């Protein structure tokens, strides 16, 4: 994820959250956002938290 603009990535991902239906695709997106969360400045982490929660919710729907 070198050279990735975190703002842009989060924006692009948020626009396609509803279209993510494959568990593998959801898992990859969650991994990406969790990685960004760890390396982004604390003031940006609030932007990632709702996306992480949505992705975790989608994954939990598949594990039921």
Protein backbone atom coordinates (compact mmCIF):
# COMPACT_ATOMS: atom_id res chain seq x y z
CA UNK A 1 0.00 0.00 0.00
CA UNK A 2 2.99 2.26 -0.51
CA UNK A 3 2.08 5.55 -2.11
CA UNK A 4 -1.60 5.19 -1.27
CA UNK A 5 -3.53 8.34 -0.40
CA UNK A 6 -5.47 7.24 2.71
CA UNK A 7 -8.18 9.85 2.21
CA UNK A 8 -8.74 8.72 -1.37
CA UNK A 9 -8.66 5.02 -0.51
CA UNK A 10 -11.21 5.45 2.29
CA UNK A 11 -13.44 7.56 0.05
CA UNK A 12 -13.29 5.06 -2.81
CA UNK A 13 -13.94 2.14 -0.47
CA UNK A 14 -16.86 3.89 1.24
CA UNK A 15 -18.50 4.40 -2.15
CA UNK A 16 -18.36 0.69 -2.93
CA UNK A 17 -19.14 -0.79 0.49
CA UNK A 18 -22.62 -1.87 -0.59
CA UNK A 19 -21.22 -3.75 -3.58
CA UNK A 20 -18.81 -5.82 -1.47
CA UNK A 21 -20.50 -9.20 -1.15
CA UNK A 22 -17.71 -11.76 -1.41
CA UNK A 23 -16.23 -12.66 2.00
CA UNK A 24 -12.70 -12.75 0.56
CA UNK A 25 -13.12 -9.30 -0.95
CA UNK A 26 -14.52 -7.96 2.33
CA UNK A 27 -11.62 -9.51 4.25
CA UNK A 28 -9.05 -7.90 1.92
CA UNK A 29 -10.72 -4.50 2.24
CA UNK A 30 -10.80 -4.86 6.02
CA UNK A 31 -7.13 -5.83 6.10
CA UNK A 32 -6.28 -2.77 4.00
CA UNK A 33 -8.26 -0.37 6.19
CA UNK A 34 -6.89 -1.85 9.41
CA UNK A 35 -3.36 -1.44 8.04
CA UNK A 36 -4.08 2.17 7.08
CA UNK A 37 -5.58 2.75 10.52
CA UNK A 38 -2.29 1.70 12.13
CA UNK A 39 -0.11 3.96 9.97
CA UNK A 40 -2.34 7.02 9.55
CA UNK A 41 -2.16 10.03 11.86
CA UNK A 42 -4.50 9.82 14.87
CA UNK A 43 -6.64 12.69 13.57
CA UNK A 44 -7.50 10.60 10.50
CA UNK A 45 -8.39 7.43 12.39
CA UNK A 46 -11.93 8.67 13.02
CA UNK A 47 -12.50 8.45 9.27
CA UNK A 48 -11.54 4.78 9.16
CA UNK A 49 -13.43 3.55 12.24
CA UNK A 50 -16.95 3.52 10.70
CA UNK A 51 -15.66 1.70 7.62
CA UNK A 52 -13.94 -0.90 9.78
CA UNK A 53 -17.16 -1.46 11.73
CA UNK A 54 -19.22 -1.86 8.55
CA UNK A 55 -16.74 -4.35 7.09
CA UNK A 56 -16.62 -6.34 10.34
CA UNK A 57 -20.41 -6.43 10.36
CA UNK A 58 -20.49 -7.73 6.80
CA UNK A 59 -18.00 -10.47 7.71
CA UNK A 60 -19.96 -11.47 10.78
CA UNK A 61 -23.06 -11.88 8.61
CA UNK A 62 -21.20 -14.59 6.68
CA UNK A 63 -20.05 -16.44 9.79
CA UNK A 64 -23.59 -16.97 11.10
